Structure formats: structure tokens, C-alpha cells
Amino acid sequence: MLYILFIIGGVIVLDQSGKIFARKNFKEKKIQKGPLTFGLIFNPGAFKGLFKEKPKLLLKIQMIGTILVFIFTLIAHFFYKNKSMTTGLALISGGAIGNLIDRLTDGRVTDFVALKWTRNLYYNLADFAIFAGGIVLVLTEIMMEIKNAWSGRS
């Protein structure tokens, strides 16, 4: 259980620290470093501004989603006892909480890094943690399917 809190807490601390750094250093400038562009964007909506006209609905959706992912994290840990699944869900939980903190305190999410191949869509460390958690879950599922297929052959 302690490692779940460590992952979630670590993601939140890194995310919020990155956002504080971005708000201080990228206010009026953008910095290009290879395939990355660092700048300051405030997103009142979800992905690509989705629901920006309905901030209360978006906040409710985000709160419910965050709570559900946290519950799934606990279920994966205590009932399935699957460390990979738990890790993936903990990364997603930490990212969701990091972005929820922004929405609760400022009504918008701070984004500060764009990848060249995403056509200047800006992200933050919470978004990357959510993505990484999703990758871990997909790989976990693939490995479980491979294991089940091999055990069915014997």
C-alpha cells in the first residue's frame, strides 16, 4: 500500500512543481529544445478544450473519474494483487489528482510542454503520468493474455 501512495504522491509533487516552474519561467516566452516546446498554456477545458463552456460539468466528471480510478487502484492492489496493474492505475490516479488540483484551485489546468509531432498541443507532467499508466495497463494486459495462452497449451 505504501508504494501506491509513493507513486501517487510522487506524481502529484512532480506535476505541481513542474507547473509552478512553468508559471514562473514561461510566462511570456516559448523555448524550443529539439522536439519539445516549453511555454505556458492554461486550459479551461479537457483535451483540446472539450467542455470549456461547461466548467462545472467538467469538474464533476473529473472528480468522479479521479475517485473511480483511485478505487480501481485499491481493488487492483488488494483483490487482484497485481503489482503491474496497480502501478499503472496509481500513475493514472496521481495524474488525475494533479490536474484536479489545478481545476479546483484555478478553474483551469496548467500545461507547459508541447511535442513537435502533436501539432502544438500542450501537456503537463500529470498528462504524461496518465499516458504512462495507460501504457503499463496495456502491457500488463498483453502479458496476462500471453501467460494465459501459454498455460492453456500445456
Protein backbone atom coordinates (compact mmCIF):
# COMPACT_ATOMS: atom_id res chain seq x y z
CA MET A 1 0.00 0.00 0.00
CA LEU A 2 2.86 2.34 0.78
CA TYR A 3 4.21 2.13 -2.76
CA ILE A 4 0.79 3.19 -4.14
CA LEU A 5 0.91 6.34 -2.03
CA PHE A 6 4.53 6.89 -3.04
CA ILE A 7 3.67 6.71 -6.76
CA ILE A 8 0.56 8.88 -6.46
CA GLY A 9 2.28 11.40 -4.18
CA GLY A 10 5.39 11.47 -6.36
CA VAL A 11 3.36 12.19 -9.49
CA ILE A 12 1.44 14.95 -7.72
CA VAL A 13 4.61 16.59 -6.34
CA LEU A 14 6.43 16.41 -9.69
CA ASP A 15 3.39 17.67 -11.58
CA GLN A 16 2.67 20.59 -9.28
CA SER A 17 6.38 21.51 -9.12
CA GLY A 18 6.57 21.48 -12.91
CA LYS A 19 3.52 23.72 -13.14
CA ILE A 20 4.92 26.18 -10.59
CA PHE A 21 8.20 26.28 -12.53
CA ALA A 22 6.34 26.83 -15.81
CA ARG A 23 4.18 29.65 -14.40
CA LYS A 24 7.34 31.42 -13.19
CA ASN A 25 9.58 30.82 -16.21
CA PHE A 26 7.43 30.56 -19.33
CA LYS A 27 5.02 33.48 -18.85
CA GLU A 28 5.96 35.45 -21.92
CA LYS A 29 8.29 33.18 -23.82
CA LYS A 30 8.50 29.84 -25.52
CA ILE A 31 11.64 27.74 -25.54
CA GLN A 32 12.36 25.19 -28.28
CA LYS A 33 14.54 22.22 -27.27
CA GLY A 34 14.69 19.60 -30.02
CA PRO A 35 11.21 18.09 -30.45
CA LEU A 36 9.91 19.89 -27.33
CA THR A 37 8.46 23.36 -26.99
CA PHE A 38 8.11 24.80 -23.49
CA GLY A 39 5.54 27.53 -22.98
CA LEU A 40 2.62 28.39 -20.74
CA ILE A 41 -0.93 27.45 -21.68
CA PHE A 42 -3.97 27.49 -19.41
CA ASN A 43 -6.67 25.04 -20.47
CA PRO A 44 -10.13 25.66 -19.01
CA GLY A 45 -11.43 22.54 -20.79
CA ALA A 46 -10.38 18.95 -21.18
CA PHE A 47 -8.44 17.57 -24.18
CA LYS A 48 -8.42 20.19 -26.97
CA GLY A 49 -10.68 22.45 -24.88
CA LEU A 50 -13.54 19.95 -24.65
CA PHE A 51 -16.24 21.11 -22.18
CA LYS A 52 -14.61 24.54 -21.71
CA GLU A 53 -18.08 26.11 -21.96
CA LYS A 54 -19.31 23.85 -19.12
CA PRO A 55 -16.69 24.08 -16.36
CA LYS A 56 -18.97 22.79 -13.58
CA LEU A 57 -19.88 19.69 -15.57
CA LEU A 58 -16.22 19.11 -16.43
CA LEU A 59 -15.24 19.43 -12.76
CA LYS A 60 -17.90 16.88 -11.76
CA ILE A 61 -16.80 14.46 -14.48
CA GLN A 62 -13.15 14.87 -13.48
CA MET A 63 -13.89 14.38 -9.78
CA ILE A 64 -15.94 11.23 -10.40
CA GLY A 65 -13.32 9.85 -12.80
CA THR A 66 -10.50 10.54 -10.34
CA ILE A 67 -12.35 8.83 -7.49
CA LEU A 68 -13.16 5.81 -9.66
CA VAL A 69 -9.57 5.38 -10.84
CA PHE A 70 -8.36 5.58 -7.23
CA ILE A 71 -10.92 2.93 -6.22
CA PHE A 72 -9.77 0.71 -9.13
CA THR A 73 -6.18 1.19 -7.92
CA LEU A 74 -7.13 -0.10 -4.49
CA ILE A 75 -9.08 -3.02 -5.99
CA ALA A 76 -6.10 -4.00 -8.17
CA HIS A 77 -3.84 -3.89 -5.13
CA PHE A 78 -5.99 -5.60 -2.51
CA PHE A 79 -8.10 -8.03 -4.54
CA TYR A 80 -6.14 -8.83 -7.69
CA LYS A 81 -2.75 -8.38 -6.02
CA ASN A 82 -1.38 -7.40 -9.42
CA LYS A 83 1.54 -5.03 -8.92
CA SER A 84 1.80 -4.01 -12.59
CA MET A 85 -1.90 -3.18 -12.82
CA THR A 86 -1.72 -1.34 -9.51
CA THR A 87 1.30 0.66 -10.70
CA GLY A 88 -0.41 1.68 -13.93
CA LEU A 89 -3.56 2.72 -12.10
CA ALA A 90 -1.52 4.59 -9.44
CA LEU A 91 0.21 6.59 -12.20
CA ILE A 92 -3.19 7.45 -13.68
CA SER A 93 -4.55 8.34 -10.22
CA GLY A 94 -1.63 10.64 -9.47
CA GLY A 95 -2.00 12.39 -12.83
CA ALA A 96 -5.75 12.75 -12.42
CA ILE A 97 -5.33 14.22 -8.93
CA GLY A 98 -2.60 16.60 -10.19
CA ASN A 99 -4.91 18.00 -12.87
CA LEU A 100 -7.87 18.04 -10.48
CA ILE A 101 -5.86 20.20 -8.06
CA ASP A 102 -5.43 22.76 -10.85
CA ARG A 103 -9.10 22.73 -11.76
CA LEU A 104 -10.19 23.09 -8.11
CA THR A 105 -7.73 25.91 -7.31
CA ASP A 106 -7.67 27.85 -10.60
CA GLY A 107 -10.57 26.59 -12.69
CA ARG A 108 -8.15 25.54 -15.44
CA VAL A 109 -5.21 23.22 -15.97
CA THR A 110 -1.67 24.50 -16.50
CA ASP A 111 0.06 22.93 -19.50
CA PHE A 112 3.61 23.73 -20.49
CA VAL A 113 5.22 21.26 -22.88
CA ALA A 114 4.35 20.51 -26.49
CA LEU A 115 5.72 17.67 -28.57
CA LYS A 116 6.62 18.52 -32.16
CA TRP A 117 4.54 15.66 -33.60
CA THR A 118 1.37 16.57 -31.64
CA ARG A 119 0.92 19.82 -33.54
CA ASN A 120 1.49 22.12 -30.58
CA LEU A 121 -0.97 20.53 -28.18
CA TYR A 122 0.42 21.34 -24.75
CA TYR A 123 0.66 18.87 -21.88
CA ASN A 124 1.92 18.70 -18.30
CA LEU A 125 3.60 16.03 -16.18
CA ALA A 126 0.22 14.74 -14.94
CA ASP A 127 -0.77 14.07 -18.55
CA PHE A 128 2.45 12.14 -19.15
CA ALA A 129 1.84 10.08 -15.98
CA ILE A 130 -1.67 9.25 -17.19
CA PHE A 131 -0.26 8.21 -20.56
CA ALA A 132 2.50 6.13 -18.94
CA GLY A 133 -0.07 4.48 -16.66
CA GLY A 134 -2.16 3.59 -19.70
CA ILE A 135 0.88 2.03 -21.39
CA VAL A 136 1.61 -0.02 -18.26
CA LEU A 137 -2.00 -1.26 -18.20
CA VAL A 138 -1.94 -2.23 -21.88
CA LEU A 139 1.37 -4.06 -21.50
CA THR A 140 0.09 -5.79 -18.36
CA GLU A 141 -2.99 -6.99 -20.21
CA ILE A 142 -0.90 -8.23 -23.15
CA MET A 143 1.43 -10.11 -20.80
CA MET A 144 -1.52 -11.66 -18.96
CA GLU A 145 -3.01 -12.82 -22.27
CA ILE A 146 0.33 -14.31 -23.34
CA LYS A 147 0.66 -16.08 -19.98
CA ASN A 148 -2.88 -17.45 -20.24
CA ALA A 149 -2.27 -18.62 -23.81
CA TRP A 150 0.95 -20.42 -22.82
CA SER A 151 -0.59 -22.03 -19.76
CA GLY A 152 -3.50 -23.27 -21.89
CA ARG A 153 -1.08 -25.08 -24.23
CA SER A 154 0.38 -27.41 -21.60
